[in-house]
C-alpha atoms as a PDB file:
ATOM      1  CA  MET A   1     111.503 108.651  51.341  1.00  0.00           C
ATOM      2  CA  LYS A   2     112.112 109.442  55.025  1.00  0.00           C
ATOM      3  CA  ASN A   3     109.179 107.292  56.149  1.00  0.00           C
ATOM      4  CA  LYS A   4     110.375 104.391  54.002  1.00  0.00           C
ATOM      5  CA  PHE A   5     113.799 104.647  55.627  1.00  0.00           C
ATOM      6  CA  TYR A   6     112.289 104.513  59.110  1.00  0.00           C
ATOM      7  CA  THR A   7     110.093 101.572  58.125  1.00  0.00           C
ATOM      8  CA  ALA A   8     113.192  99.712  56.945  1.00  0.00           C
ATOM      9  CA  LEU A   9     114.923 100.440  60.252  1.00  0.00           C
ATOM     10  CA  GLU A  10     111.931  99.236  62.272  1.00  0.00           C
ATOM     11  CA  LYS A  11     111.888  95.905  60.452  1.00  0.00           C
ATOM     12  CA  ASN A  12     115.296  95.134  61.947  1.00  0.00           C
ATOM     13  CA  PHE A  13     114.407  96.002  65.546  1.00  0.00           C
ATOM     14  CA  VAL A  14     114.390  93.128  68.014  1.00  0.00           C
ATOM     15  CA  THR A  15     110.834  91.924  68.664  1.00  0.00           C
ATOM     16  CA  TYR A  16     108.969  90.501  71.633  1.00  0.00           C
ATOM     17  CA  SER A  17     108.938  87.089  69.939  1.00  0.00           C
ATOM     18  CA  ASN A  18     112.692  87.293  69.392  1.00  0.00           C
ATOM     19  CA  LEU A  19     113.277  87.882  73.098  1.00  0.00           C
ATOM     20  CA  LEU A  20     110.705  85.328  74.214  1.00  0.00           C
ATOM     21  CA  SER A  21     112.696  82.647  72.384  1.00  0.00           C
ATOM     22  CA  ILE A  22     115.792  83.299  74.528  1.00  0.00           C
ATOM     23  CA  ASP A  23     116.393  81.083  77.566  1.00  0.00           C
ATOM     24  CA  VAL A  24     117.619  82.637  80.820  1.00  0.00           C
ATOM     25  CA  ILE A  25     120.061  81.081  83.284  1.00  0.00           C
ATOM     26  CA  ASP A  26     120.497  83.744  85.948  1.00  0.00           C
ATOM     27  CA  ASN A  27     124.025  83.799  87.367  1.00  0.00           C
ATOM     28  CA  LYS A  28     122.873  85.374  90.672  1.00  0.00           C
ATOM     29  CA  GLU A  29     125.221  88.314  90.226  1.00  0.00           C
ATOM     30  CA  PRO A  30     124.357  91.080  92.722  1.00  0.00           C
ATOM     31  CA  LEU A  31     123.242  94.620  92.027  1.00  0.00           C
ATOM     32  CA  VAL A  32     125.691  97.352  92.992  1.00  0.00           C
ATOM     33  CA  PRO A  33     125.188 101.132  93.284  1.00  0.00           C
ATOM     34  CA  LEU A  34     127.052 103.411  90.890  1.00  0.00           C
ATOM     35  CA  THR A  35     128.132 105.436  93.928  1.00  0.00           C
ATOM     36  CA  LYS A  36     130.813 102.760  94.320  1.00  0.00           C
ATOM     37  CA  THR A  37     132.233 103.564  90.877  1.00  0.00           C
ATOM     38  CA  SER A  38     133.805 106.588  89.198  1.00  0.00           C
ATOM     39  CA  ILE A  39     130.928 106.802  86.704  1.00  0.00           C
ATOM     40  CA  LEU A  40     128.910 110.015  86.609  1.00  0.00           C
ATOM     41  CA  PHE A  41     125.166 109.517  86.953  1.00  0.00           C
ATOM     42  CA  GLY A  42     121.951 111.373  87.636  1.00  0.00           C
ATOM     43  CA  TYR A  43     118.225 111.360  87.053  1.00  0.00           C
ATOM     44  CA  LYS A  44     116.168 112.786  84.237  1.00  0.00           C
ATOM     45  CA  PRO A  45     112.766 114.359  85.042  1.00  0.00           C
ATOM     46  CA  ALA A  46     111.175 112.026  82.486  1.00  0.00           C
ATOM     47  CA  MET A  47     112.273 109.009  84.520  1.00  0.00           C
ATOM     48  CA  SER A  48     111.387 110.072  88.067  1.00  0.00           C
ATOM     49  CA  ASP A  49     110.603 106.496  89.163  1.00  0.00           C
ATOM     50  CA  MET A  50     114.369 105.982  89.597  1.00  0.00           C
ATOM     51  CA  LYS A  51     114.288 108.224  92.668  1.00  0.00           C
ATOM     52  CA  LYS A  52     112.810 105.478  94.827  1.00  0.00           C
ATOM     53  CA  PHE A  53     116.383 104.189  95.188  1.00  0.00           C
ATOM     54  CA  GLY A  54     117.521 107.443  96.756  1.00  0.00           C
ATOM     55  CA  LYS A  55     120.569 108.892  95.043  1.00  0.00           C
ATOM     56  CA  ASN A  56     121.724 105.559  93.680  1.00  0.00           C
ATOM     57  CA  ILE A  57     121.429 103.933  90.297  1.00  0.00           C
ATOM     58  CA  LEU A  58     121.755 100.175  90.577  1.00  0.00           C
ATOM     59  CA  VAL A  59     123.242  97.805  87.991  1.00  0.00           C
ATOM     60  CA  ARG A  60     124.650  94.295  88.000  1.00  0.00           C
ATOM     61  CA  ARG A  61     128.234  94.071  89.232  1.00  0.00           C
ATOM     62  CA  LYS A  62     129.648  93.073  85.829  1.00  0.00           C
ATOM     63  CA  VAL A  63     127.788  95.961  84.196  1.00  0.00           C
ATOM     64  CA  ALA A  64     129.409  98.401  86.640  1.00  0.00           C
ATOM     65  CA  GLU A  65     132.834  96.982  85.782  1.00  0.00           C
ATOM     66  CA  MET A  66     132.140  97.306  82.064  1.00  0.00           C
ATOM     67  CA  LEU A  67     131.022 100.912  82.503  1.00  0.00           C
ATOM     68  CA  GLU A  68     134.369 101.672  84.148  1.00  0.00           C
ATOM     69  CA  GLN A  69     136.130 100.068  81.183  1.00  0.00           C
ATOM     70  CA  ALA A  70     134.041 102.097  78.748  1.00  0.00           C
ATOM     71  CA  GLN A  71     134.802 105.301  80.647  1.00  0.00           C
ATOM     72  CA  ASN A  72     138.540 104.619  80.502  1.00  0.00           C
ATOM     73  CA  LEU A  73     138.317 103.830  76.800  1.00  0.00           C
ATOM     74  CA  LEU A  74     136.422 107.056  76.097  1.00  0.00           C
ATOM     75  CA  LYS A  75     138.842 109.234  78.041  1.00  0.00           C
ATOM     76  CA  ARG A  76     141.892 107.628  76.458  1.00  0.00           C
ATOM     77  CA  ASN A  77     141.286 109.418  73.165  1.00  0.00           C
ATOM     78  CA  ASN A  78     138.780 112.124  74.084  1.00  0.00           C
ATOM     79  CA  LYS A  79     139.574 114.912  76.521  1.00  0.00           C
ATOM     80  CA  GLY A  80     136.956 116.822  78.475  1.00  0.00           C
ATOM     81  CA  ILE A  81     134.036 114.403  78.093  1.00  0.00           C
ATOM     82  CA  SER A  82     132.624 111.622  80.271  1.00  0.00           C
ATOM     83  CA  LEU A  83     129.998 108.920  80.250  1.00  0.00           C
ATOM     84  CA  PHE A  84     126.887 109.758  82.273  1.00  0.00           C
ATOM     85  CA  VAL A  85     124.333 107.098  83.246  1.00  0.00           C
ATOM     86  CA  THR A  86     120.718 108.253  83.566  1.00  0.00           C
ATOM     87  CA  TYR A  87     118.992 104.929  84.212  1.00  0.00           C
ATOM     88  CA  GLY A  88     119.856 101.440  85.415  1.00  0.00           C
ATOM     89  CA  TYR A  89     117.757  98.909  87.280  1.00  0.00           C
ATOM     90  CA  ARG A  90     113.990  99.459  87.109  1.00  0.00           C
ATOM     91  CA  ASN A  91     111.724  97.852  89.678  1.00  0.00           C
ATOM     92  CA  LEU A  92     109.680  95.138  87.999  1.00  0.00           C
ATOM     93  CA  SER A  93     106.479  96.535  89.523  1.00  0.00           C
ATOM     94  CA  VAL A  94     107.131  99.854  87.745  1.00  0.00           C
ATOM     95  CA  GLN A  95     107.701  98.053  84.446  1.00  0.00           C
ATOM     96  CA  LYS A  96     104.417  96.165  84.888  1.00  0.00           C
ATOM     97  CA  LYS A  97     102.499  99.336  85.768  1.00  0.00           C
ATOM     98  CA  ASN A  98     103.810 101.243  82.747  1.00  0.00           C
ATOM     99  CA  PHE A  99     103.194  98.261  80.495  1.00  0.00           C
ATOM    100  CA  LYS A 100      99.573  97.864  81.641  1.00  0.00           C
ATOM    101  CA  GLU A 101      98.838 101.537  80.954  1.00  0.00           C
ATOM    102  CA  ILE A 102     100.140 101.413  77.385  1.00  0.00           C
ATOM    103  CA  PHE A 103      98.636  97.957  76.784  1.00  0.00           C
ATOM    104  CA  SER A 104      95.178  99.240  77.751  1.00  0.00           C
ATOM    105  CA  LYS A 105      95.399 102.257  75.442  1.00  0.00           C
ATOM    106  CA  ILE A 106      96.489 100.222  72.433  1.00  0.00           C
ATOM    107  CA  ALA A 107      93.988  97.408  73.073  1.00  0.00           C
ATOM    108  CA  LEU A 108      91.131  99.924  73.235  1.00  0.00           C
ATOM    109  CA  ASN A 109      92.066 101.609  69.964  1.00  0.00           C
ATOM    110  CA  ASP A 110      92.623  98.538  67.787  1.00  0.00           C
ATOM    111  CA  PHE A 111      91.525  94.917  67.587  1.00  0.00           C
ATOM    112  CA  TYR A 112      94.206  92.240  67.288  1.00  0.00           C
ATOM    113  CA  PRO A 113      92.838  88.722  66.541  1.00  0.00           C
ATOM    114  CA  ASN A 114      96.221  87.262  67.445  1.00  0.00           C
ATOM    115  CA  PRO A 115      97.302  88.188  71.021  1.00  0.00           C
ATOM    116  CA  ILE A 116     100.952  87.968  69.996  1.00  0.00           C
ATOM    117  CA  ASP A 117     100.409  90.790  67.503  1.00  0.00           C
ATOM    118  CA  LEU A 118      98.983  92.937  70.299  1.00  0.00           C
ATOM    119  CA  TYR A 119     101.989  92.231  72.501  1.00  0.00           C
ATOM    120  CA  GLU A 120     104.340  93.016  69.624  1.00  0.00           C
ATOM    121  CA  LYS A 121     102.629  96.384  69.115  1.00  0.00           C
ATOM    122  CA  VAL A 122     102.842  97.261  72.806  1.00  0.00           C
ATOM    123  CA  HIS A 123     106.455  96.081  72.920  1.00  0.00           C
ATOM    124  CA  GLN A 124     107.325  98.733  70.324  1.00  0.00           C
ATOM    125  CA  ASN A 125     106.390 101.338  72.954  1.00  0.00           C
ATOM    126  CA  ILE A 126     107.481  99.622  76.160  1.00  0.00           C
ATOM    127  CA  ALA A 127     109.130  96.257  76.751  1.00  0.00           C
ATOM    128  CA  VAL A 128     106.894  93.410  77.884  1.00  0.00           C
ATOM    129  CA  PRO A 129     107.856  92.895  81.586  1.00  0.00           C
ATOM    130  CA  THR A 130     108.816  89.234  81.178  1.00  0.00           C
ATOM    131  CA  VAL A 131     111.515  90.104  78.633  1.00  0.00           C
ATOM    132  CA  ALA A 132     112.396  93.691  79.659  1.00  0.00           C
ATOM    133  CA  GLY A 133     116.047  94.574  80.196  1.00  0.00           C
ATOM    134  CA  HIS A 134     115.963  97.276  82.874  1.00  0.00           C
ATOM    135  CA  PRO A 135     114.368  95.019  85.550  1.00  0.00           C
ATOM    136  CA  THR A 136     117.320  92.619  85.171  1.00  0.00           C
ATOM    137  CA  GLY A 137     119.891  95.237  86.163  1.00  0.00           C
ATOM    138  CA  GLY A 138     121.696  94.591  82.900  1.00  0.00           C
ATOM    139  CA  ALA A 139     120.417  97.566  80.889  1.00  0.00           C
ATOM    140  CA  VAL A 140     121.560 101.173  81.132  1.00  0.00           C
ATOM    141  CA  ASP A 141     120.563 104.457  79.549  1.00  0.00           C
ATOM    142  CA  ILE A 142     123.716 106.462  78.985  1.00  0.00           C
ATOM    143  CA  ILE A 143     124.909 109.698  77.386  1.00  0.00           C
ATOM    144  CA  ILE A 144     128.175 111.615  77.030  1.00  0.00           C
ATOM    145  CA  VAL A 145     128.579 114.949  78.794  1.00  0.00           C
ATOM    146  CA  ASN A 146     131.135 117.713  79.190  1.00  0.00           C
ATOM    147  CA  SER A 147     133.179 116.618  82.207  1.00  0.00           C
ATOM    148  CA  ASN A 148     133.091 120.072  83.801  1.00  0.00           C
ATOM    149  CA  THR A 149     129.644 121.457  82.985  1.00  0.00           C
ATOM    150  CA  LYS A 150     127.826 118.083  82.771  1.00  0.00           C
ATOM    151  CA  LYS A 151     126.122 119.426  79.642  1.00  0.00           C
ATOM    152  CA  VAL A 152     125.175 116.674  77.202  1.00  0.00           C
ATOM    153  CA  ILE A 153     126.954 116.704  73.850  1.00  0.00           C
ATOM    154  CA  ASP A 154     124.913 116.947  70.645  1.00  0.00           C
ATOM    155  CA  PHE A 155     123.169 113.651  69.883  1.00  0.00           C
ATOM    156  CA  GLY A 156     120.576 115.120  67.532  1.00  0.00           C
ATOM    157  CA  SER A 157     117.578 114.500  69.785  1.00  0.00           C
ATOM    158  CA  GLU A 158     116.635 114.728  73.417  1.00  0.00           C
ATOM    159  CA  GLN A 159     117.126 111.595  75.464  1.00  0.00           C
ATOM    160  CA  TYR A 160     113.755 109.928  76.152  1.00  0.00           C
ATOM    161  CA  ASP A 161     112.087 111.759  73.273  1.00  0.00           C
ATOM    162  CA  PHE A 162     109.814 108.851  72.350  1.00  0.00           C
ATOM    163  CA  LEU A 163     107.531 111.001  70.209  1.00  0.00           C
ATOM    164  CA  SER A 164     110.155 111.448  67.504  1.00  0.00           C
ATOM    165  CA  LYS A 165     111.884 108.791  65.444  1.00  0.00           C
ATOM    166  CA  LYS A 166     115.048 110.818  65.784  1.00  0.00           C
ATOM    167  CA  SER A 167     115.590 108.547  68.776  1.00  0.00           C
ATOM    168  CA  PHE A 168     116.451 105.764  66.298  1.00  0.00           C
ATOM    169  CA  ALA A 169     120.215 105.258  66.349  1.00  0.00           C
ATOM    170  CA  PHE A 170     120.483 105.670  62.579  1.00  0.00           C
ATOM    171  CA  SER A 171     117.931 108.439  62.078  1.00  0.00           C
ATOM    172  CA  PRO A 172     118.458 110.273  58.759  1.00  0.00           C
ATOM    173  CA  GLU A 173     117.209 113.549  60.246  1.00  0.00           C
ATOM    174  CA  ILE A 174     120.220 114.470  62.356  1.00  0.00           C
ATOM    175  CA  SER A 175     123.443 116.324  61.590  1.00  0.00           C
ATOM    176  CA  LYS A 176     126.806 114.760  60.785  1.00  0.00           C
ATOM    177  CA  LYS A 177     128.073 115.915  64.168  1.00  0.00           C
ATOM    178  CA  SER A 178     125.195 114.199  65.930  1.00  0.00           C
ATOM    179  CA  ILE A 179     125.771 110.999  63.967  1.00  0.00           C
ATOM    180  CA  ASN A 180     129.451 111.018  64.907  1.00  0.00           C
ATOM    181  CA  ASN A 181     128.601 111.483  68.592  1.00  0.00           C
ATOM    182  CA  ARG A 182     126.100 108.627  68.507  1.00  0.00           C
ATOM    183  CA  MET A 183     128.622 106.373  66.802  1.00  0.00           C
ATOM    184  CA  LEU A 184     131.281 107.323  69.362  1.00  0.00           C
ATOM    185  CA  LEU A 185     128.995 106.258  72.211  1.00  0.00           C
ATOM    186  CA  ARG A 186     127.944 103.120  70.349  1.00  0.00           C
ATOM    187  CA  LYS A 187     131.530 102.127  69.512  1.00  0.00           C
ATOM    188  CA  ILE A 188     132.755 102.618  73.082  1.00  0.00           C
ATOM    189  CA  MET A 189     129.914 100.633  74.625  1.00  0.00           C
ATOM    190  CA  MET A 190     130.080  97.787  72.128  1.00  0.00           C
ATOM    191  CA  GLN A 191     133.852  97.557  72.425  1.00  0.00           C
ATOM    192  CA  VAL A 192     133.557  96.555  76.081  1.00  0.00           C
ATOM    193  CA  GLY A 193     130.737  94.081  75.439  1.00  0.00           C
ATOM    194  CA  PHE A 194     127.403  95.918  75.570  1.00  0.00           C
ATOM    195  CA  ALA A 195     124.687  95.345  72.966  1.00  0.00           C
ATOM    196  CA  PRO A 196     122.949  98.406  71.465  1.00  0.00           C
ATOM    197  CA  TYR A 197     119.224  98.949  71.022  1.00  0.00           C
ATOM    198  CA  ASP A 198     118.700 100.603  67.654  1.00  0.00           C
ATOM    199  CA  ALA A 199     115.351 102.218  68.548  1.00  0.00           C
ATOM    200  CA  GLU A 200     116.999 104.266  71.328  1.00  0.00           C
ATOM    201  CA  TRP A 201     120.505 105.599  70.730  1.00  0.00           C
ATOM    202  CA  TRP A 202     121.082 105.894  74.508  1.00  0.00           C
ATOM    203  CA  HIS A 203     120.130 102.329  75.519  1.00  0.00           C
ATOM    204  CA  PHE A 204     122.661  99.509  75.929  1.00  0.00           C
ATOM    205  CA  SER A 205     122.643  96.222  77.782  1.00  0.00           C
ATOM    206  CA  TYR A 206     124.674  93.249  78.904  1.00  0.00           C
ATOM    207  CA  GLY A 207     123.456  89.889  80.146  1.00  0.00           C
ATOM    208  CA  ASP A 208     119.752  90.364  79.386  1.00  0.00           C
ATOM    209  CA  ARG A 209     117.733  88.694  76.618  1.00  0.00           C
ATOM    210  CA  GLU A 210     118.325  91.565  74.210  1.00  0.00           C
ATOM    211  CA  TRP A 211     122.086  91.201  74.636  1.00  0.00           C
ATOM    212  CA  ALA A 212     121.839  87.423  74.163  1.00  0.00           C
ATOM    213  CA  PHE A 213     119.790  87.856  70.976  1.00  0.00           C
ATOM    214  CA  TYR A 214     121.993  90.585  69.512  1.00  0.00           C
ATOM    215  CA  CYS A 215     125.260  88.811  70.341  1.00  0.00           C
ATOM    216  CA  LYS A 216     123.890  85.365  69.392  1.00  0.00           C
ATOM    217  CA  LYS A 217     124.504  83.885  72.840  1.00  0.00           C
ATOM    218  CA  PRO A 218     122.907  80.534  73.813  1.00  0.00           C
ATOM    219  CA  TYR A 219     121.108  82.112  76.785  1.00  0.00           C
ATOM    220  CA  ALA A 220     120.779  85.290  78.837  1.00  0.00           C
ATOM    221  CA  LEU A 221     122.707  85.685  82.098  1.00  0.00           C
ATOM    222  CA  TYR A 222     120.281  87.925  83.982  1.00  0.00           C
ATOM    223  CA  ASP A 223     116.634  87.392  84.868  1.00  0.00           C
ATOM    224  CA  GLN A 224     114.264  90.026  86.282  1.00  0.00           C
ATOM    225  CA  ILE A 225     114.925  91.015  89.899  1.00  0.00           C
ATOM    226  CA  THR A 226     111.877  91.473  92.114  1.00  0.00           C
ATOM    227  CA  LYS A 227     111.372  94.047  94.870  1.00  0.00           C
ATOM    228  CA  GLU A 228     111.726  91.300  97.487  1.00  0.00           C
ATOM    229  CA  LYS A 229     115.167  90.364  96.175  1.00  0.00           C
ATOM    230  CA  ILE A 230     116.228  94.028  96.240  1.00  0.00           C
ATOM    231  CA  GLN A 231     115.331  94.287  99.926  1.00  0.00           C
ATOM    232  CA  LYS A 232     117.667  91.391 100.711  1.00  0.00           C
ATOM    233  CA  LEU A 233     120.695  93.144  99.191  1.00  0.00           C
END
Protein backbone atom coordinates (compact mmCIF):
# COMPACT_ATOMS: atom_id res chain seq x y z
CA MET A 1 0.00 0.00 0.00
CA LYS A 2 2.80 2.41 0.95
CA ASN A 3 4.68 1.78 -2.31
CA LYS A 4 1.51 2.33 -4.34
CA PHE A 5 1.00 5.66 -2.58
CA TYR A 6 4.54 6.77 -3.41
CA THR A 7 4.12 5.65 -7.02
CA ALA A 8 0.97 7.77 -7.27
CA LEU A 9 2.85 10.77 -5.87
CA GLU A 10 5.73 10.32 -8.31
CA LYS A 11 3.37 10.34 -11.28
CA ASN A 12 2.48 13.94 -10.45
CA PHE A 13 6.05 15.21 -10.11
CA VAL A 14 7.20 17.72 -12.70
CA THR A 15 9.30 16.03 -15.39
CA TYR A 16 12.26 17.03 -17.53
CA SER A 17 9.97 17.17 -20.57
CA ASN A 18 7.55 19.42 -18.69
CA LEU A 19 10.33 21.90 -17.94
CA LEU A 20 11.88 21.66 -21.39
CA SER A 21 8.59 22.89 -22.86
CA ILE A 22 8.79 26.16 -20.90
CA ASP A 23 10.23 29.23 -22.64
CA VAL A 24 12.58 31.55 -20.73
CA ILE A 25 12.76 35.33 -21.04
CA ASP A 26 15.38 36.34 -18.49
CA ASN A 27 14.60 39.69 -16.86
CA LYS A 28 18.28 40.34 -16.01
CA GLU A 29 17.49 40.70 -12.32
CA PRO A 30 20.71 40.64 -10.27
CA LEU A 31 21.77 38.19 -7.61
CA VAL A 32 21.98 39.55 -4.07
CA PRO A 33 23.56 38.04 -0.93
CA LEU A 34 21.30 37.09 1.97
CA THR A 35 23.68 39.01 4.23
CA LYS A 36 21.78 42.09 3.05
CA THR A 37 18.51 40.70 4.45
CA SER A 38 17.19 39.72 7.87
CA ILE A 39 16.85 36.08 6.79
CA LEU A 40 18.78 33.46 8.74
CA PHE A 41 20.95 31.20 6.60
CA GLY A 42 23.76 28.69 6.80
CA TYR A 43 25.32 25.70 5.11
CA LYS A 44 24.62 22.02 5.48
CA PRO A 45 27.55 19.55 5.34
CA ALA A 46 25.74 17.68 2.56
CA MET A 47 25.89 20.76 0.35
CA SER A 48 29.47 21.94 0.86
CA ASP A 49 29.75 23.31 -2.69
CA MET A 50 27.90 26.42 -1.45
CA LYS A 51 31.01 27.46 0.48
CA LYS A 52 32.74 28.71 -2.66
CA PHE A 53 30.71 31.91 -2.20
CA GLY A 54 32.26 32.53 1.21
CA LYS A 55 29.66 33.13 3.89
CA ASN A 56 27.01 34.28 1.45
CA ILE A 57 24.04 32.57 -0.10
CA LEU A 58 23.01 34.29 -3.31
CA VAL A 59 19.49 34.59 -4.73
CA ARG A 60 17.73 36.83 -7.22
CA ARG A 61 16.70 40.20 -5.81
CA LYS A 62 12.96 39.46 -6.03
CA VAL A 63 13.50 36.13 -4.28
CA ALA A 64 15.24 37.92 -1.40
CA GLU A 65 12.30 40.31 -1.11
CA MET A 66 9.83 37.43 -1.09
CA LEU A 67 11.81 35.64 1.61
CA GLU A 68 11.50 38.75 3.79
CA GLN A 69 7.75 38.74 3.18
CA ALA A 70 7.53 35.05 4.07
CA GLN A 71 9.53 35.63 7.25
CA ASN A 72 7.19 38.42 8.33
CA LEU A 73 4.16 36.27 7.57
CA LEU A 74 5.55 33.37 9.59
CA LYS A 75 6.39 35.51 12.61
CA ARG A 76 3.03 37.26 12.57
CA ASN A 77 1.26 34.18 13.93
CA ASN A 78 4.12 32.02 15.20
CA LYS A 79 6.40 33.10 18.02
CA GLY A 80 9.91 31.77 18.53
CA ILE A 81 10.51 30.32 15.05
CA SER A 82 12.21 31.64 11.91
CA LEU A 83 12.85 30.72 8.32
CA PHE A 84 16.38 29.46 7.64
CA VAL A 85 17.78 29.19 4.10
CA THR A 86 20.33 26.42 3.50
CA TYR A 87 20.84 26.76 -0.25
CA GLY A 88 20.33 29.34 -2.99
CA TYR A 89 22.22 29.89 -6.21
CA ARG A 90 24.29 26.92 -7.42
CA ASN A 91 27.10 27.46 -9.90
CA LEU A 92 26.11 25.94 -13.23
CA SER A 93 29.45 24.12 -13.44
CA VAL A 94 28.64 22.32 -10.17
CA GLN A 95 25.21 21.34 -11.49
CA LYS A 96 26.81 19.95 -14.66
CA LYS A 97 29.45 18.02 -12.71
CA ASN A 98 26.89 16.42 -10.38
CA PHE A 99 24.60 15.65 -13.30
CA LYS A 100 27.36 13.93 -15.30
CA GLU A 101 28.26 11.70 -12.35
CA ILE A 102 24.70 10.48 -11.84
CA PHE A 103 24.06 10.26 -15.60
CA SER A 104 27.07 7.95 -16.02
CA LYS A 105 25.98 5.63 -13.21
CA ILE A 106 22.43 5.28 -14.50
CA ALA A 107 23.50 4.89 -18.15
CA LEU A 108 25.89 2.08 -17.20
CA ASN A 109 23.28 0.15 -15.24
CA ASP A 110 20.39 0.28 -17.71
CA PHE A 111 19.80 0.66 -21.43
CA TYR A 112 17.34 3.31 -22.61
CA PRO A 113 16.50 3.12 -26.36
CA ASN A 114 14.96 6.58 -26.14
CA PRO A 115 17.46 9.22 -24.86
CA ILE A 116 14.60 11.25 -23.40
CA ASP A 117 13.73 8.34 -21.10
CA LEU A 118 17.32 8.29 -19.85
CA TYR A 119 17.23 12.02 -19.15
CA GLU A 120 13.90 11.64 -17.36
CA LYS A 121 15.38 8.93 -15.12
CA VAL A 122 18.43 11.04 -14.28
CA HIS A 123 16.22 14.08 -13.70
CA GLN A 124 14.45 12.17 -10.92
CA ASN A 125 17.78 12.21 -9.04
CA ILE A 126 19.23 15.55 -10.11
CA ALA A 127 17.84 18.26 -12.37
CA VAL A 128 19.15 18.37 -15.93
CA PRO A 129 21.40 21.51 -15.99
CA THR A 130 19.52 23.22 -18.82
CA VAL A 131 16.29 23.26 -16.80
CA ALA A 132 17.64 23.26 -13.21
CA GLY A 133 16.33 25.86 -10.78
CA HIS A 134 19.25 26.49 -8.44
CA PRO A 135 21.59 27.80 -11.20
CA THR A 136 19.01 30.50 -12.00
CA GLY A 137 19.14 32.00 -8.51
CA GLY A 138 15.40 31.51 -8.24
CA ALA A 139 15.35 28.32 -6.15
CA VAL A 140 15.94 28.01 -2.41
CA ASP A 141 16.16 25.18 0.08
CA ILE A 142 14.57 26.36 3.30
CA ILE A 143 13.58 25.09 6.74
CA ILE A 144 12.07 26.50 9.93
CA VAL A 145 14.19 26.70 13.07
CA ASN A 146 13.89 27.78 16.69
CA SER A 147 14.86 31.46 16.60
CA ASN A 148 17.14 31.16 19.63
CA THR A 149 18.76 27.74 19.32
CA LYS A 150 18.63 27.50 15.49
CA LYS A 151 17.46 23.91 15.94
CA VAL A 152 15.27 22.71 13.09
CA ILE A 153 11.66 21.90 13.95
CA ASP A 154 10.31 18.41 13.27
CA PHE A 155 9.72 17.86 9.55
CA GLY A 156 9.69 14.07 9.71
CA SER A 157 12.92 13.55 7.79
CA GLU A 158 16.37 15.03 7.53
CA GLN A 159 16.83 17.74 4.93
CA TYR A 160 18.74 16.36 1.92
CA ASP A 161 17.89 12.77 2.83
CA PHE A 162 17.57 11.62 -0.79
CA LEU A 163 17.73 7.93 0.12
CA SER A 164 14.29 7.97 1.73
CA LYS A 165 10.97 8.87 0.16
CA LYS A 166 10.10 10.60 3.40
CA SER A 167 11.52 13.62 1.59
CA PHE A 168 8.31 13.69 -0.48
CA ALA A 169 6.16 16.56 0.76
CA PHE A 170 3.15 14.29 1.29
CA SER A 171 4.93 11.21 2.61
CA PRO A 172 2.54 8.90 4.52
CA GLU A 173 5.32 7.78 6.86
CA ILE A 174 5.61 10.88 9.02
CA SER A 175 3.78 12.03 12.14
CA LYS A 176 0.87 14.47 12.27
CA LYS A 177 3.18 17.03 13.84
CA SER A 178 5.65 16.68 10.99
CA ILE A 179 2.88 17.01 8.42
CA ASN A 180 1.63 20.18 10.09
CA ASN A 181 5.13 21.68 10.08
CA ARG A 182 5.62 20.86 6.41
CA MET A 183 2.26 22.39 5.55
CA LEU A 184 3.10 25.51 7.58
CA LEU A 185 6.29 26.01 5.57
CA ARG A 186 4.51 25.23 2.31
CA LYS A 187 1.61 27.60 3.05
CA ILE A 188 3.91 30.49 4.01
CA MET A 189 6.11 30.12 0.94
CA MET A 190 3.24 29.71 -1.50
CA GLN A 191 1.35 32.64 -0.01
CA VAL A 192 4.12 35.02 -1.07
CA GLY A 193 4.44 33.50 -4.54
CA PHE A 194 6.88 30.58 -4.41
CA ALA A 195 6.14 27.26 -6.12
CA PRO A 196 6.77 24.04 -4.16
CA TYR A 197 8.60 20.94 -5.36
CA ASP A 198 6.69 17.92 -4.09
CA ALA A 199 9.67 15.54 -4.17
CA GLU A 200 11.56 17.69 -1.62
CA TRP A 201 9.55 19.33 1.16
CA TRP A 202 12.31 21.95 1.64
CA HIS A 203 12.61 23.15 -1.98
CA PHE A 204 10.76 26.18 -3.35
CA SER A 205 11.30 28.46 -6.31
CA TYR A 206 10.24 31.63 -8.06
CA GLY A 207 10.93 32.71 -11.62
CA ASP A 208 12.48 29.46 -12.86
CA ARG A 209 10.92 26.92 -15.23
CA GLU A 210 9.51 24.86 -12.38
CA TRP A 211 7.70 27.91 -11.01
CA ALA A 212 6.38 28.77 -14.49
CA PHE A 213 5.10 25.21 -15.00
CA TYR A 214 3.52 24.91 -11.55
CA CYS A 215 1.90 28.36 -11.67
CA LYS A 216 0.92 28.02 -15.35
CA LYS A 217 2.89 31.09 -16.43
CA PRO A 218 3.57 31.73 -20.15
CA TYR A 219 7.35 31.73 -19.58
CA ALA A 220 10.05 31.63 -16.92
CA LEU A 221 11.69 34.86 -15.72
CA TYR A 222 15.13 33.51 -14.84
CA ASP A 223 17.66 31.66 -16.97
CA GLN A 224 20.81 29.93 -15.70
CA ILE A 225 23.59 32.26 -14.56
CA THR A 226 27.13 31.31 -15.55
CA LYS A 227 30.31 31.73 -13.50
CA GLU A 228 31.41 34.55 -15.82
CA LYS A 229 28.23 36.51 -15.09
CA ILE A 230 28.75 36.02 -11.34
CA GLN A 231 32.22 37.55 -11.55
CA LYS A 232 30.75 40.70 -13.09
CA LEU A 233 28.40 41.30 -10.14
